[in-house]
C-alpha atoms as a PDB file:
ATOM      1  CA  MET A   1       0.071   0.145  -0.388  1.00  0.00           C
ATOM      2  CA  ALA A   2       2.810   2.578   1.237  1.00  0.00           C
ATOM      3  CA  ASN A   3       4.980   1.729  -2.152  1.00  0.00           C
ATOM      4  CA  LYS A   4       1.545   2.318  -4.697  1.00  0.00           C
ATOM      5  CA  VAL A   5       1.087   5.669  -2.658  1.00  0.00           C
ATOM      6  CA  ILE A   6       4.584   6.697  -2.856  1.00  0.00           C
ATOM      7  CA  ARG A   7       4.779   5.610  -6.508  1.00  0.00           C
ATOM      8  CA  PHE A   8       1.765   7.596  -7.438  1.00  0.00           C
ATOM      9  CA  ILE A   9       3.793  10.904  -5.636  1.00  0.00           C
ATOM     10  CA  VAL A  10       6.490  10.170  -7.953  1.00  0.00           C
ATOM     11  CA  LYS A  11       4.909  10.112 -11.075  1.00  0.00           C
ATOM     12  CA  ALA A  12       2.627  13.370  -9.723  1.00  0.00           C
ATOM     13  CA  LEU A  13       5.758  15.196  -9.510  1.00  0.00           C
ATOM     14  CA  PHE A  14       7.338  13.677 -12.542  1.00  0.00           C
ATOM     15  CA  TYR A  15       4.206  15.379 -14.084  1.00  0.00           C
ATOM     16  CA  ILE A  16       4.388  18.894 -12.860  1.00  0.00           C
ATOM     17  CA  PHE A  17       8.122  18.605 -12.960  1.00  0.00           C
ATOM     18  CA  ILE A  18       7.896  18.063 -17.247  1.00  0.00           C
ATOM     19  CA  ALA A  19       4.670  20.657 -17.414  1.00  0.00           C
ATOM     20  CA  LEU A  20       6.774  23.688 -15.211  1.00  0.00           C
ATOM     21  CA  LEU A  21       9.616  22.679 -17.507  1.00  0.00           C
ATOM     22  CA  LEU A  22       7.422  23.547 -21.001  1.00  0.00           C
ATOM     23  CA  VAL A  23       5.921  26.174 -19.724  1.00  0.00           C
ATOM     24  CA  TYR A  24       9.639  27.577 -18.831  1.00  0.00           C
ATOM     25  CA  LEU A  25      10.869  27.012 -22.127  1.00  0.00           C
ATOM     26  CA  PHE A  26       7.723  28.300 -23.833  1.00  0.00           C
ATOM     27  CA  VAL A  27       8.382  31.437 -22.088  1.00  0.00           C
ATOM     28  CA  GLN A  28      12.451  31.417 -23.073  1.00  0.00           C
ATOM     29  CA  MET A  29      10.954  30.737 -26.391  1.00  0.00           C
ATOM     30  CA  ARG A  30       8.785  33.583 -26.621  1.00  0.00           C
ATOM     31  CA  GLN A  31      11.665  35.918 -25.139  1.00  0.00           C
ATOM     32  CA  VAL A  32      14.155  34.641 -28.271  1.00  0.00           C
ATOM     33  CA  GLY A  33      11.092  35.159 -30.762  1.00  0.00           C
ATOM     34  CA  TYR A  34      10.768  38.797 -29.721  1.00  0.00           C
ATOM     35  CA  GLN A  35      13.961  39.801 -29.951  1.00  0.00           C
ATOM     36  CA  ILE A  36      14.416  38.269 -33.566  1.00  0.00           C
ATOM     37  CA  PHE A  37      11.497  39.669 -34.604  1.00  0.00           C
ATOM     38  CA  SER A  38      11.904  43.020 -32.391  1.00  0.00           C
ATOM     39  CA  ASP A  39      14.265  44.696 -34.682  1.00  0.00           C
ATOM     40  CA  LYS A  40      15.118  47.013 -31.855  1.00  0.00           C
ATOM     41  CA  ALA A  41      18.796  48.691 -31.801  1.00  0.00           C
ATOM     42  CA  LYS A  42      21.258  47.843 -29.094  1.00  0.00           C
ATOM     43  CA  ASP A  43      21.959  51.654 -27.582  1.00  0.00           C
ATOM     44  CA  SER A  44      20.119  55.147 -28.687  1.00  0.00           C
ATOM     45  CA  PRO A  45      21.976  57.598 -30.707  1.00  0.00           C
ATOM     46  CA  GLU A  46      23.250  59.657 -27.507  1.00  0.00           C
ATOM     47  CA  VAL A  47      25.353  56.807 -26.284  1.00  0.00           C
ATOM     48  CA  ALA A  48      25.775  54.693 -29.626  1.00  0.00           C
ATOM     49  CA  LYS A  49      29.122  53.104 -30.225  1.00  0.00           C
ATOM     50  CA  GLU A  50      30.761  53.116 -33.525  1.00  0.00           C
ATOM     51  CA  MET A  51      32.911  50.528 -35.839  1.00  0.00           C
ATOM     52  CA  VAL A  52      34.014  49.847 -39.273  1.00  0.00           C
ATOM     53  CA  LEU A  53      32.674  46.635 -40.367  1.00  0.00           C
ATOM     54  CA  THR A  54      35.148  44.720 -43.211  1.00  0.00           C
ATOM     55  CA  VAL A  55      33.273  42.027 -44.604  1.00  0.00           C
ATOM     56  CA  THR A  56      34.516  39.943 -47.123  1.00  0.00           C
ATOM     57  CA  GLU A  57      33.145  37.208 -49.735  1.00  0.00           C
ATOM     58  CA  ASP A  58      32.340  34.451 -47.770  1.00  0.00           C
ATOM     59  CA  GLU A  59      31.803  35.410 -44.260  1.00  0.00           C
ATOM     60  CA  SER A  60      28.237  33.904 -42.760  1.00  0.00           C
ATOM     61  CA  LEU A  61      25.536  35.908 -41.195  1.00  0.00           C
ATOM     62  CA  LEU A  62      26.836  34.863 -37.962  1.00  0.00           C
ATOM     63  CA  GLU A  63      30.207  35.805 -38.618  1.00  0.00           C
ATOM     64  CA  ILE A  64      29.563  38.892 -38.910  1.00  0.00           C
ATOM     65  CA  GLY A  65      27.024  39.207 -36.025  1.00  0.00           C
ATOM     66  CA  LYS A  66      30.196  37.240 -34.086  1.00  0.00           C
ATOM     67  CA  ASP A  67      32.283  40.942 -35.146  1.00  0.00           C
ATOM     68  CA  LEU A  68      28.984  42.639 -34.056  1.00  0.00           C
ATOM     69  CA  ALA A  69      28.968  41.289 -31.088  1.00  0.00           C
ATOM     70  CA  SER A  70      32.555  41.496 -30.017  1.00  0.00           C
ATOM     71  CA  LYS A  71      33.084  45.184 -31.003  1.00  0.00           C
ATOM     72  CA  ASP A  72      29.785  46.127 -28.124  1.00  0.00           C
ATOM     73  CA  ILE A  73      27.686  46.669 -31.680  1.00  0.00           C
ATOM     74  CA  ILE A  74      25.084  44.326 -30.714  1.00  0.00           C
ATOM     75  CA  ASN A  75      23.505  42.163 -27.765  1.00  0.00           C
ATOM     76  CA  ASN A  76      23.564  37.979 -29.146  1.00  0.00           C
ATOM     77  CA  ALA A  77      25.224  37.114 -32.913  1.00  0.00           C
ATOM     78  CA  TYR A  78      22.785  34.650 -32.847  1.00  0.00           C
ATOM     79  CA  ILE A  79      19.795  36.428 -32.602  1.00  0.00           C
ATOM     80  CA  PHE A  80      21.458  38.795 -35.369  1.00  0.00           C
ATOM     81  CA  ALA A  81      22.320  36.156 -37.676  1.00  0.00           C
ATOM     82  CA  ALA A  82      18.420  34.640 -37.324  1.00  0.00           C
ATOM     83  CA  ALA A  83      17.056  38.365 -37.505  1.00  0.00           C
ATOM     84  CA  LEU A  84      19.265  39.187 -40.583  1.00  0.00           C
ATOM     85  CA  ARG A  85      18.012  35.328 -42.169  1.00  0.00           C
ATOM     86  CA  CYS A  86      14.424  36.320 -41.666  1.00  0.00           C
ATOM     87  CA  SER A  87      14.555  39.507 -43.313  1.00  0.00           C
ATOM     88  CA  GLU A  88      14.547  39.467 -46.993  1.00  0.00           C
ATOM     89  CA  GLY A  89      18.422  40.143 -49.375  1.00  0.00           C
ATOM     90  CA  TYR A  90      20.547  38.653 -46.633  1.00  0.00           C
ATOM     91  CA  LYS A  91      21.738  36.826 -49.474  1.00  0.00           C
ATOM     92  CA  ASN A  92      22.738  40.382 -51.033  1.00  0.00           C
ATOM     93  CA  ILE A  93      25.409  41.246 -48.484  1.00  0.00           C
ATOM     94  CA  GLN A  94      28.168  42.551 -50.313  1.00  0.00           C
ATOM     95  CA  ALA A  95      31.630  42.593 -49.398  1.00  0.00           C
ATOM     96  CA  GLY A  96      33.577  45.662 -48.363  1.00  0.00           C
ATOM     97  CA  GLU A  97      34.039  47.959 -45.503  1.00  0.00           C
ATOM     98  CA  TYR A  98      30.947  49.901 -43.513  1.00  0.00           C
ATOM     99  CA  VAL A  99      30.748  51.826 -40.487  1.00  0.00           C
ATOM    100  CA  ILE A 100      28.195  50.462 -38.133  1.00  0.00           C
ATOM    101  CA  ASN A 101      26.787  51.879 -35.140  1.00  0.00           C
ATOM    102  CA  SER A 102      24.905  50.273 -31.952  1.00  0.00           C
ATOM    103  CA  SER A 103      21.817  52.472 -32.817  1.00  0.00           C
ATOM    104  CA  GLN A 104      21.142  50.734 -35.923  1.00  0.00           C
ATOM    105  CA  ARG A 105      18.174  48.192 -35.975  1.00  0.00           C
ATOM    106  CA  PRO A 106      18.993  44.993 -37.386  1.00  0.00           C
ATOM    107  CA  SER A 107      17.304  46.114 -40.396  1.00  0.00           C
ATOM    108  CA  GLU A 108      19.666  49.207 -41.156  1.00  0.00           C
ATOM    109  CA  ILE A 109      22.858  47.084 -40.768  1.00  0.00           C
ATOM    110  CA  LEU A 110      21.430  44.833 -43.457  1.00  0.00           C
ATOM    111  CA  ALA A 111      20.470  47.699 -45.959  1.00  0.00           C
ATOM    112  CA  THR A 112      23.628  49.400 -45.276  1.00  0.00           C
ATOM    113  CA  LEU A 113      25.714  45.403 -45.581  1.00  0.00           C
ATOM    114  CA  THR A 114      23.601  45.446 -49.370  1.00  0.00           C
ATOM    115  CA  HIS A 115      23.989  48.582 -50.419  1.00  0.00           C
ATOM    116  CA  LYS A 116      20.255  49.247 -50.485  1.00  0.00           C
ATOM    117  CA  GLY A 117      20.558  52.626 -49.755  1.00  0.00           C
ATOM    118  CA  GLU A 118      22.528  53.572 -52.212  1.00  0.00           C
ATOM    119  CA  GLN A 119      20.513  51.855 -54.595  1.00  0.00           C
ATOM    120  CA  ASP A 120      17.512  53.564 -53.636  1.00  0.00           C
ATOM    121  CA  GLU A 121      18.235  56.768 -53.703  1.00  0.00           C
ATOM    122  CA  GLY A 122      20.569  56.996 -57.343  1.00  0.00           C
END
């Protein structure tokens, strides 16, 4: 009898643990999704940091993100790469040197890296 009660309690605790784990993972993934799709800049223009980013022909989005994260322009290279991957035109990134600052949104950084602003003006 005591063995059945203990088994019942252990099963109940296990199911409660699984339910709480799923809720926790849901909340974490919601936050990650928000960060990817919110298109927010890291800093305000008053405190923005600036850097010269050199992009090579074969550089991946993650490598670009890691360069920007190492200079404190963005918070997370993986979130940045995922945000660009979800944007249109990420395959049109051009090799070259670019001035990037931490007040730019990921979409603005992508526009800079693809020369989209220059094409719209000309």
